[in-house]
Structures are given as structure tokens and as C-alpha cells.
Amino acid sequence: MAQIEQRKRHLSSTGFDLTGTHDLKIDFTKMVRADLDENFTARKYLEKNCNSGIIWQQKGQSLEYVFCIGTSFEDEIEEEILWEYNSAFDYQPVIIEVDPADNDRNNLQEVVRTLTAKGYDIQQVIGEFLVRKQYEHTSDKEYYLSWIEIKNKGKQNK
């Protein structure tokens, strides 16, 4: 618990207001693989105001960069869909901190361990890019407004 409080204090000091995050709704319905080196694909999604994001799937155990696609752009998707909104799950919002130089350095495992210890069955973690913060004496950090796709152990699908 002390680590969580320390993380909250750290995020608050960076300017994030963490109050009321449980009411945040996902404003996209799908995620597709992001190849930021492929200019045509990146431009196509960025011109449609699709935000970049991250996805963590248990089978891969690592973060992957994606584009977050809203309903108005769904029929133009040509890339592989990695995630789709599923009303059978609950989505718990959290802030995920990622080191862009090494995306394996993040606070995701801490969040997953905490929720697993509380009895949640975690499916995936998805996140939409918020901000990149540059620090003077340490590496930069990227922050993602993220949702943990969970199913409570005692809960049946809706």
C-alpha cells in the first residue's frame, strides 16, 4: 500500500488529478497495431484524430503501441485489430507510466499485482496517450490514461 500511495503522490506532483478516475469512460472502441515508421498508416489515423495508445495482453507480457479508433472511423480499418470493447468486462481506469526508451520499464506490473491480489481476473490493459513529461535529471516518462479489462472472480458475464 505504501508503494501505491507513493505512486499517487508522484503522479499528483506531475500535475495529474487522480480524484474521480473511476468515472472515466473509454472513448474509443477498437485498437489497431501502430507502425509509426510507416508514414501512410500513421498519417491516416492521425488525420482522423485517432490517438496513439498502448495495449498489454497477458499472452505477450509486454506493451505494444497502437492507435485508438472511435466508432466514426471503424469501417476504414485495414490493419489487424488487437482489441475491441467488450461489455462483458468491467474497465478500471488507472494511470500507466512508461519509459519511452524502454517500454518494459513501467508501473504496469505493480498495478496488475495489486488488482490480482484483490481477486480480479485481469484480461488486458489498454491505454490512451496523455502526455510525455521531460525530467531534467532522469529519463522522460510517458503517461497513459489506461483501463484494466477485468472480470471479478465471482462475477458472471453480463
N, C-alpha and C. Protein backbone atom coordinates (compact mmCIF):
# COMPACT_ATOMS: atom_id res chain seq x y z
N MET A 1 0.82 -1.19 0.00
CA MET A 1 0.00 0.00 0.00
C MET A 1 0.86 1.26 0.00
N ALA A 2 1.99 1.20 0.67
CA ALA A 2 2.86 2.38 0.73
C ALA A 2 3.36 2.74 -0.67
N GLN A 3 3.64 1.72 -1.49
CA GLN A 3 4.10 1.98 -2.86
C GLN A 3 3.02 2.66 -3.68
N ILE A 4 1.78 2.26 -3.49
CA ILE A 4 0.68 2.86 -4.24
C ILE A 4 0.52 4.32 -3.84
N GLU A 5 0.56 4.59 -2.54
CA GLU A 5 0.45 5.98 -2.07
C GLU A 5 1.62 6.82 -2.59
N GLN A 6 2.81 6.24 -2.61
CA GLN A 6 3.97 6.94 -3.14
C GLN A 6 3.77 7.25 -4.62
N ARG A 7 3.24 6.30 -5.38
CA ARG A 7 2.98 6.50 -6.81
C ARG A 7 1.93 7.60 -7.01
N LYS A 8 0.88 7.60 -6.18
CA LYS A 8 -0.15 8.64 -6.28
C LYS A 8 0.45 10.02 -6.00
N ARG A 9 1.29 10.10 -4.97
CA ARG A 9 1.94 11.38 -4.66
C ARG A 9 2.82 11.82 -5.83
N HIS A 10 3.55 10.87 -6.41
CA HIS A 10 4.41 11.20 -7.55
C HIS A 10 3.58 11.71 -8.73
N LEU A 11 2.51 11.00 -9.06
CA LEU A 11 1.68 11.43 -10.18
C LEU A 11 1.00 12.76 -9.89
N SER A 12 0.58 12.97 -8.66
CA SER A 12 -0.03 14.26 -8.29
C SER A 12 0.98 15.39 -8.45
N SER A 13 2.24 15.12 -8.12
CA SER A 13 3.27 16.16 -8.25
C SER A 13 3.56 16.48 -9.71
N THR A 14 3.22 15.58 -10.63
CA THR A 14 3.43 15.85 -12.05
C THR A 14 2.26 16.61 -12.65
N GLY A 15 1.24 16.88 -11.86
CA GLY A 15 0.11 17.66 -12.34
C GLY A 15 -1.13 16.86 -12.66
N PHE A 16 -1.14 15.56 -12.38
CA PHE A 16 -2.32 14.74 -12.64
C PHE A 16 -3.26 14.80 -11.44
N ASP A 17 -4.53 14.99 -11.71
CA ASP A 17 -5.54 14.93 -10.67
C ASP A 17 -6.14 13.54 -10.72
N LEU A 18 -5.92 12.76 -9.67
CA LEU A 18 -6.37 11.36 -9.68
C LEU A 18 -7.73 11.17 -9.03
N THR A 19 -8.38 12.24 -8.61
CA THR A 19 -9.69 12.10 -7.98
C THR A 19 -10.74 11.84 -9.05
N GLY A 20 -11.66 10.96 -8.76
CA GLY A 20 -12.77 10.68 -9.67
C GLY A 20 -12.40 9.88 -10.89
N THR A 21 -11.26 9.22 -10.90
CA THR A 21 -10.87 8.48 -12.10
C THR A 21 -11.76 7.27 -12.35
N HIS A 22 -12.49 6.81 -11.34
CA HIS A 22 -13.34 5.63 -11.54
C HIS A 22 -14.51 5.90 -12.48
N ASP A 23 -14.80 7.16 -12.78
CA ASP A 23 -15.91 7.50 -13.66
C ASP A 23 -15.47 7.71 -15.11
N LEU A 24 -14.20 7.59 -15.41
CA LEU A 24 -13.71 7.83 -16.76
C LEU A 24 -14.14 6.72 -17.70
N LYS A 25 -14.73 7.10 -18.81
CA LYS A 25 -15.22 6.14 -19.79
C LYS A 25 -14.25 6.06 -20.98
N ILE A 26 -14.19 4.91 -21.60
CA ILE A 26 -13.35 4.71 -22.78
C ILE A 26 -14.04 5.38 -23.96
N ASP A 27 -13.32 6.25 -24.67
CA ASP A 27 -13.93 6.97 -25.79
C ASP A 27 -13.50 6.42 -27.16
N PHE A 28 -13.06 5.17 -27.19
CA PHE A 28 -12.73 4.50 -28.45
C PHE A 28 -13.23 3.07 -28.35
N THR A 29 -13.40 2.40 -29.48
CA THR A 29 -13.99 1.06 -29.47
C THR A 29 -13.04 -0.04 -29.95
N LYS A 30 -11.97 0.35 -30.63
CA LYS A 30 -11.03 -0.64 -31.16
C LYS A 30 -9.61 -0.09 -31.07
N MET A 31 -8.65 -1.02 -31.14
CA MET A 31 -7.24 -0.65 -31.21
C MET A 31 -6.60 -1.47 -32.32
N VAL A 32 -5.76 -0.79 -33.12
CA VAL A 32 -5.03 -1.47 -34.18
C VAL A 32 -3.53 -1.25 -33.98
N ARG A 33 -2.76 -2.18 -34.50
CA ARG A 33 -1.30 -2.10 -34.38
C ARG A 33 -0.80 -0.80 -34.99
N ALA A 34 0.11 -0.14 -34.30
CA ALA A 34 0.68 1.12 -34.77
C ALA A 34 2.09 0.89 -35.28
N ASP A 35 2.28 1.13 -36.55
CA ASP A 35 3.62 1.10 -37.12
C ASP A 35 3.97 2.55 -37.41
N LEU A 36 4.58 3.21 -36.42
CA LEU A 36 4.86 4.64 -36.55
C LEU A 36 5.91 4.94 -37.61
N ASP A 37 6.65 3.92 -38.04
CA ASP A 37 7.63 4.12 -39.11
C ASP A 37 6.98 4.09 -40.49
N GLU A 38 5.77 3.56 -40.55
CA GLU A 38 5.02 3.50 -41.80
C GLU A 38 4.20 4.80 -41.90
N ASN A 39 4.72 5.77 -42.66
CA ASN A 39 4.12 7.11 -42.70
C ASN A 39 2.68 7.14 -43.17
N PHE A 40 2.33 6.35 -44.18
CA PHE A 40 0.97 6.37 -44.71
C PHE A 40 -0.05 5.94 -43.65
N THR A 41 0.25 4.84 -42.97
CA THR A 41 -0.66 4.34 -41.94
C THR A 41 -0.77 5.32 -40.78
N ALA A 42 0.36 5.80 -40.30
CA ALA A 42 0.34 6.75 -39.18
C ALA A 42 -0.44 8.01 -39.56
N ARG A 43 -0.20 8.54 -40.74
CA ARG A 43 -0.89 9.76 -41.18
C ARG A 43 -2.40 9.51 -41.27
N LYS A 44 -2.78 8.35 -41.81
CA LYS A 44 -4.20 8.02 -41.97
C LYS A 44 -4.93 8.12 -40.63
N TYR A 45 -4.36 7.55 -39.58
CA TYR A 45 -5.02 7.55 -38.28
C TYR A 45 -4.89 8.90 -37.57
N LEU A 46 -3.74 9.52 -37.68
CA LEU A 46 -3.56 10.81 -37.00
C LEU A 46 -4.42 11.90 -37.62
N GLU A 47 -4.64 11.85 -38.94
CA GLU A 47 -5.51 12.84 -39.59
C GLU A 47 -6.96 12.68 -39.16
N LYS A 48 -7.35 11.50 -38.73
CA LYS A 48 -8.71 11.25 -38.26
C LYS A 48 -8.83 11.46 -36.75
N ASN A 49 -7.82 12.10 -36.16
CA ASN A 49 -7.79 12.37 -34.71
C ASN A 49 -7.81 11.11 -33.87
N CYS A 50 -7.24 10.04 -34.38
CA CYS A 50 -7.09 8.82 -33.60
C CYS A 50 -5.84 9.00 -32.74
N ASN A 51 -5.98 8.78 -31.47
CA ASN A 51 -4.87 8.96 -30.55
C ASN A 51 -4.00 7.70 -30.54
N SER A 52 -2.74 7.86 -30.19
CA SER A 52 -1.89 6.69 -30.00
C SER A 52 -2.15 6.13 -28.62
N GLY A 53 -1.78 4.88 -28.44
CA GLY A 53 -2.03 4.24 -27.16
C GLY A 53 -1.13 3.03 -26.97
N ILE A 54 -1.46 2.27 -25.93
CA ILE A 54 -0.72 1.06 -25.60
C ILE A 54 -1.71 -0.06 -25.30
N ILE A 55 -1.25 -1.28 -25.49
CA ILE A 55 -2.03 -2.45 -25.08
C ILE A 55 -1.07 -3.45 -24.45
N TRP A 56 -1.54 -4.09 -23.40
CA TRP A 56 -0.79 -5.17 -22.75
C TRP A 56 -1.70 -6.37 -22.72
N GLN A 57 -1.27 -7.43 -23.37
CA GLN A 57 -2.03 -8.67 -23.37
C GLN A 57 -1.22 -9.71 -22.61
N GLN A 58 -1.88 -10.46 -21.76
CA GLN A 58 -1.16 -11.43 -20.94
C GLN A 58 -0.34 -12.41 -21.76
N LYS A 59 -0.83 -12.79 -22.93
CA LYS A 59 -0.08 -13.77 -23.73
C LYS A 59 1.25 -13.20 -24.21
N GLY A 60 1.33 -11.89 -24.41
CA GLY A 60 2.57 -11.29 -24.88
C GLY A 60 3.45 -10.78 -23.76
N GLN A 61 2.85 -10.44 -22.64
CA GLN A 61 3.54 -9.95 -21.46
C GLN A 61 4.36 -8.68 -21.69
N SER A 62 4.15 -7.99 -22.80
CA SER A 62 4.85 -6.73 -23.00
C SER A 62 3.91 -5.72 -23.64
N LEU A 63 4.26 -4.46 -23.53
CA LEU A 63 3.44 -3.39 -24.10
C LEU A 63 3.63 -3.32 -25.60
N GLU A 64 2.58 -2.96 -26.28
CA GLU A 64 2.64 -2.76 -27.72
C GLU A 64 1.97 -1.42 -28.02
N TYR A 65 2.52 -0.68 -28.97
CA TYR A 65 1.93 0.61 -29.34
C TYR A 65 0.83 0.40 -30.36
N VAL A 66 -0.25 1.18 -30.21
CA VAL A 66 -1.45 1.02 -31.03
C VAL A 66 -2.04 2.39 -31.37
N PHE A 67 -3.04 2.39 -32.25
CA PHE A 67 -3.89 3.55 -32.47
C PHE A 67 -5.27 3.23 -31.89
N CYS A 68 -5.86 4.19 -31.21
CA CYS A 68 -7.19 4.06 -30.62
C CYS A 68 -8.21 4.56 -31.63
N ILE A 69 -9.16 3.72 -32.02
CA ILE A 69 -10.10 4.02 -33.09
C ILE A 69 -11.50 4.21 -32.53
N GLY A 70 -12.13 5.33 -32.86
CA GLY A 70 -13.51 5.59 -32.45
C GLY A 70 -14.50 5.02 -33.43
N THR A 71 -15.78 5.06 -33.08
CA THR A 71 -16.82 4.45 -33.92
C THR A 71 -16.94 5.12 -35.29
N SER A 72 -16.62 6.40 -35.40
CA SER A 72 -16.80 7.10 -36.68
C SER A 72 -15.78 6.67 -37.73
N PHE A 73 -14.75 5.95 -37.35
CA PHE A 73 -13.67 5.59 -38.26
C PHE A 73 -13.52 4.07 -38.41
N GLU A 74 -14.39 3.31 -37.74
CA GLU A 74 -14.25 1.85 -37.70
C GLU A 74 -14.23 1.19 -39.07
N ASP A 75 -15.07 1.65 -40.01
CA ASP A 75 -15.18 0.97 -41.29
C ASP A 75 -13.99 1.21 -42.22
N GLU A 76 -13.05 2.06 -41.82
CA GLU A 76 -11.87 2.32 -42.65
C GLU A 76 -10.64 1.56 -42.15
N ILE A 77 -10.81 0.71 -41.17
CA ILE A 77 -9.69 -0.04 -40.59
C ILE A 77 -9.23 -1.13 -41.56
N GLU A 78 -7.94 -1.12 -41.86
CA GLU A 78 -7.35 -2.16 -42.71
C GLU A 78 -6.34 -3.00 -41.95
N GLU A 79 -5.85 -2.49 -40.83
CA GLU A 79 -4.82 -3.17 -40.05
C GLU A 79 -5.47 -4.19 -39.10
N GLU A 80 -4.62 -5.05 -38.54
CA GLU A 80 -5.08 -6.06 -37.60
C GLU A 80 -5.65 -5.39 -36.34
N ILE A 81 -6.85 -5.79 -35.95
CA ILE A 81 -7.47 -5.27 -34.74
C ILE A 81 -6.95 -6.08 -33.56
N LEU A 82 -6.32 -5.40 -32.60
CA LEU A 82 -5.74 -6.07 -31.44
C LEU A 82 -6.70 -6.09 -30.26
N TRP A 83 -7.64 -5.14 -30.22
CA TRP A 83 -8.57 -5.05 -29.09
C TRP A 83 -9.88 -4.45 -29.55
N GLU A 84 -10.98 -4.97 -29.01
CA GLU A 84 -12.30 -4.40 -29.22
C GLU A 84 -13.00 -4.29 -27.87
N TYR A 85 -13.78 -3.23 -27.70
CA TYR A 85 -14.54 -3.05 -26.47
C TYR A 85 -15.46 -4.25 -26.27
N ASN A 86 -15.53 -4.74 -25.04
CA ASN A 86 -16.36 -5.90 -24.72
C ASN A 86 -17.16 -5.56 -23.47
N SER A 87 -18.47 -5.44 -23.60
CA SER A 87 -19.31 -5.05 -22.47
C SER A 87 -19.40 -6.13 -21.40
N ALA A 88 -18.88 -7.32 -21.66
CA ALA A 88 -18.88 -8.38 -20.66
C ALA A 88 -17.85 -8.14 -19.56
N PHE A 89 -16.95 -7.19 -19.77
CA PHE A 89 -15.92 -6.90 -18.78
C PHE A 89 -16.15 -5.54 -18.15
N ASP A 90 -15.57 -5.37 -16.97
CA ASP A 90 -15.50 -4.05 -16.35
C ASP A 90 -14.15 -3.46 -16.71
N TYR A 91 -14.09 -2.14 -16.74
CA TYR A 91 -12.85 -1.45 -17.08
C TYR A 91 -12.48 -0.50 -15.96
N GLN A 92 -11.38 -0.78 -15.28
CA GLN A 92 -10.90 0.01 -14.15
C GLN A 92 -9.85 1.00 -14.65
N PRO A 93 -10.12 2.32 -14.57
CA PRO A 93 -9.14 3.29 -15.06
C PRO A 93 -7.96 3.46 -14.11
N VAL A 94 -6.78 3.60 -14.68
CA VAL A 94 -5.54 3.86 -13.94
C VAL A 94 -4.63 4.71 -14.83
N ILE A 95 -3.61 5.27 -14.22
CA ILE A 95 -2.57 5.97 -14.97
C ILE A 95 -1.37 5.03 -15.08
N ILE A 96 -0.92 4.78 -16.30
CA ILE A 96 0.27 3.94 -16.51
C ILE A 96 1.42 4.85 -16.93
N GLU A 97 2.55 4.66 -16.28
CA GLU A 97 3.76 5.43 -16.55
C GLU A 97 4.74 4.54 -17.31
N VAL A 98 5.23 5.02 -18.46
CA VAL A 98 6.11 4.22 -19.31
C VAL A 98 7.36 5.02 -19.63
N ASP A 99 8.50 4.36 -19.59
CA ASP A 99 9.76 4.96 -20.04
C ASP A 99 9.84 4.73 -21.54
N PRO A 100 9.76 5.79 -22.37
CA PRO A 100 9.75 5.59 -23.83
C PRO A 100 11.03 4.98 -24.38
N ALA A 101 12.13 5.09 -23.65
CA ALA A 101 13.39 4.49 -24.11
C ALA A 101 13.38 2.97 -23.91
N ASP A 102 12.55 2.49 -22.99
CA ASP A 102 12.45 1.06 -22.71
C ASP A 102 11.06 0.80 -22.15
N ASN A 103 10.12 0.44 -23.03
CA ASN A 103 8.73 0.33 -22.57
C ASN A 103 8.49 -0.81 -21.59
N ASP A 104 9.49 -1.66 -21.34
CA ASP A 104 9.35 -2.67 -20.29
C ASP A 104 9.52 -2.05 -18.91
N ARG A 105 10.04 -0.83 -18.85
CA ARG A 105 10.15 -0.11 -17.57
C ARG A 105 8.88 0.73 -17.41
N ASN A 106 7.95 0.19 -16.62
CA ASN A 106 6.67 0.85 -16.41
C ASN A 106 6.09 0.38 -15.08
N ASN A 107 4.98 0.98 -14.69
CA ASN A 107 4.34 0.60 -13.43
C ASN A 107 3.21 -0.40 -13.62
N LEU A 108 3.14 -1.01 -14.77
CA LEU A 108 2.04 -1.91 -15.10
C LEU A 108 2.01 -3.14 -14.21
N GLN A 109 3.14 -3.77 -14.00
CA GLN A 109 3.17 -4.99 -13.17
C GLN A 109 2.69 -4.70 -11.75
N GLU A 110 3.04 -3.54 -11.22
CA GLU A 110 2.60 -3.14 -9.88
C GLU A 110 1.07 -3.06 -9.83
N VAL A 111 0.48 -2.44 -10.84
CA VAL A 111 -0.97 -2.30 -10.90
C VAL A 111 -1.63 -3.67 -11.05
N VAL A 112 -1.10 -4.51 -11.93
CA VAL A 112 -1.65 -5.85 -12.15
C VAL A 112 -1.58 -6.67 -10.87
N ARG A 113 -0.44 -6.64 -10.17
CA ARG A 113 -0.30 -7.39 -8.91
C ARG A 113 -1.32 -6.94 -7.88
N THR A 114 -1.51 -5.63 -7.76
CA THR A 114 -2.44 -5.09 -6.77
C THR A 114 -3.86 -5.57 -7.04
N LEU A 115 -4.31 -5.49 -8.29
CA LEU A 115 -5.68 -5.90 -8.61
C LEU A 115 -5.85 -7.42 -8.55
N THR A 116 -4.82 -8.17 -8.92
CA THR A 116 -4.88 -9.63 -8.82
C THR A 116 -5.00 -10.05 -7.36
N ALA A 117 -4.26 -9.37 -6.48
CA ALA A 117 -4.33 -9.67 -5.05
C ALA A 117 -5.72 -9.38 -4.48
N LYS A 118 -6.45 -8.48 -5.11
CA LYS A 118 -7.82 -8.17 -4.67
C LYS A 118 -8.84 -9.12 -5.28
N GLY A 119 -8.40 -10.10 -6.05
CA GLY A 119 -9.29 -11.12 -6.58
C GLY A 119 -9.80 -10.88 -7.98
N TYR A 120 -9.22 -9.95 -8.71
CA TYR A 120 -9.68 -9.67 -10.07
C TYR A 120 -8.96 -10.54 -11.08
N ASP A 121 -9.69 -10.96 -12.09
CA ASP A 121 -9.15 -11.72 -13.21
C ASP A 121 -8.86 -10.71 -14.33
N ILE A 122 -7.60 -10.39 -14.53
CA ILE A 122 -7.22 -9.35 -15.48
C ILE A 122 -7.06 -9.96 -16.86
N GLN A 123 -7.72 -9.35 -17.83
CA GLN A 123 -7.68 -9.83 -19.20
C GLN A 123 -6.60 -9.09 -19.99
N GLN A 124 -6.77 -7.78 -20.14
CA GLN A 124 -5.84 -6.94 -20.91
C GLN A 124 -5.78 -5.57 -20.24
N VAL A 125 -4.79 -4.81 -20.63
CA VAL A 125 -4.70 -3.42 -20.21
C VAL A 125 -4.56 -2.59 -21.48
N ILE A 126 -5.41 -1.58 -21.60
CA ILE A 126 -5.36 -0.69 -22.75
C ILE A 126 -5.14 0.72 -22.24
N GLY A 127 -4.51 1.56 -23.04
CA GLY A 127 -4.28 2.92 -22.60
C GLY A 127 -4.20 3.89 -23.76
N GLU A 128 -4.64 5.10 -23.50
CA GLU A 128 -4.61 6.17 -24.48
C GLU A 128 -3.59 7.21 -24.02
N PHE A 129 -2.73 7.63 -24.94
CA PHE A 129 -1.65 8.56 -24.62
C PHE A 129 -2.21 9.85 -24.01
N LEU A 130 -1.60 10.26 -22.89
CA LEU A 130 -1.96 11.53 -22.24
C LEU A 130 -0.91 12.60 -22.50
N VAL A 131 0.30 12.34 -22.01
CA VAL A 131 1.34 13.37 -22.07
C VAL A 131 2.71 12.72 -21.91
N ARG A 132 3.70 13.40 -22.47
CA ARG A 132 5.10 13.00 -22.26
C ARG A 132 5.74 14.09 -21.43
N LYS A 133 6.34 13.69 -20.34
CA LYS A 133 6.95 14.65 -19.42
C LYS A 133 8.46 14.48 -19.46
N GLN A 134 9.15 15.59 -19.64
CA GLN A 134 10.61 15.55 -19.66
C GLN A 134 11.13 15.93 -18.29
N TYR A 135 12.02 15.11 -17.78
CA TYR A 135 12.63 15.36 -16.48
C TYR A 135 14.09 15.74 -16.70
N GLU A 136 14.56 16.64 -15.87
CA GLU A 136 15.90 17.17 -16.05
C GLU A 136 17.00 16.15 -15.76
N HIS A 137 16.87 15.40 -14.68
CA HIS A 137 17.96 14.52 -14.26
C HIS A 137 17.64 13.03 -14.41
N THR A 138 16.51 12.69 -15.00
CA THR A 138 16.17 11.29 -15.23
C THR A 138 15.61 11.16 -16.64
N SER A 139 15.26 9.95 -17.00
CA SER A 139 14.72 9.76 -18.35
C SER A 139 13.29 10.30 -18.44
N ASP A 140 12.86 10.58 -19.66
CA ASP A 140 11.50 11.06 -19.89
C ASP A 140 10.50 9.97 -19.50
N LYS A 141 9.26 10.38 -19.26
CA LYS A 141 8.18 9.44 -18.97
C LYS A 141 6.98 9.78 -19.83
N GLU A 142 6.29 8.75 -20.29
CA GLU A 142 5.01 8.93 -20.98
C GLU A 142 3.93 8.43 -20.04
N TYR A 143 2.82 9.15 -20.03
CA TYR A 143 1.70 8.77 -19.18
C TYR A 143 0.50 8.44 -20.06
N TYR A 144 -0.17 7.35 -19.72
CA TYR A 144 -1.32 6.87 -20.47
C TYR A 144 -2.51 6.74 -19.53
N LEU A 145 -3.65 7.31 -19.95
CA LEU A 145 -4.89 7.04 -19.25
C LEU A 145 -5.30 5.65 -19.69
N SER A 146 -5.29 4.72 -18.77
CA SER A 146 -5.43 3.31 -19.11
C SER A 146 -6.64 2.69 -18.42
N TRP A 147 -7.09 1.60 -18.98
CA TRP A 147 -8.18 0.84 -18.40
C TRP A 147 -7.75 -0.61 -18.32
N ILE A 148 -7.97 -1.20 -17.17
CA ILE A 148 -7.67 -2.60 -16.98
C ILE A 148 -8.96 -3.38 -17.20
N GLU A 149 -8.92 -4.26 -18.17
CA GLU A 149 -10.09 -5.09 -18.50
C GLU A 149 -10.12 -6.23 -17.49
N ILE A 150 -11.14 -6.23 -16.64
CA ILE A 150 -11.18 -7.20 -15.54
C ILE A 150 -12.54 -7.90 -15.47
N LYS A 151 -12.47 -9.06 -14.87
CA LYS A 151 -13.68 -9.81 -14.55
C LYS A 151 -13.50 -10.28 -13.11
N ASN A 152 -14.35 -9.83 -12.22
CA ASN A 152 -14.27 -10.25 -10.83
C ASN A 152 -14.49 -11.75 -10.76
N LYS A 153 -13.74 -12.43 -9.91
CA LYS A 153 -13.81 -13.90 -9.83
C LYS A 153 -15.23 -14.41 -9.60
N GLY A 154 -16.02 -13.71 -8.84
CA GLY A 154 -17.37 -14.17 -8.54
C GLY A 154 -18.42 -13.66 -9.51
N LYS A 155 -18.01 -12.93 -10.51
CA LYS A 155 -18.95 -12.26 -11.41
C LYS A 155 -19.18 -13.07 -12.69
N GLN A 156 -20.41 -13.17 -13.11
CA GLN A 156 -20.73 -13.81 -14.38
C GLN A 156 -20.68 -12.76 -15.48
N ASN A 157 -20.48 -13.17 -16.73
CA ASN A 157 -20.54 -12.23 -17.85
C ASN A 157 -21.90 -11.58 -17.90
N LYS A 158 -21.89 -10.31 -18.26
CA LYS A 158 -23.14 -9.55 -18.32
C LYS A 158 -23.96 -9.97 -19.51
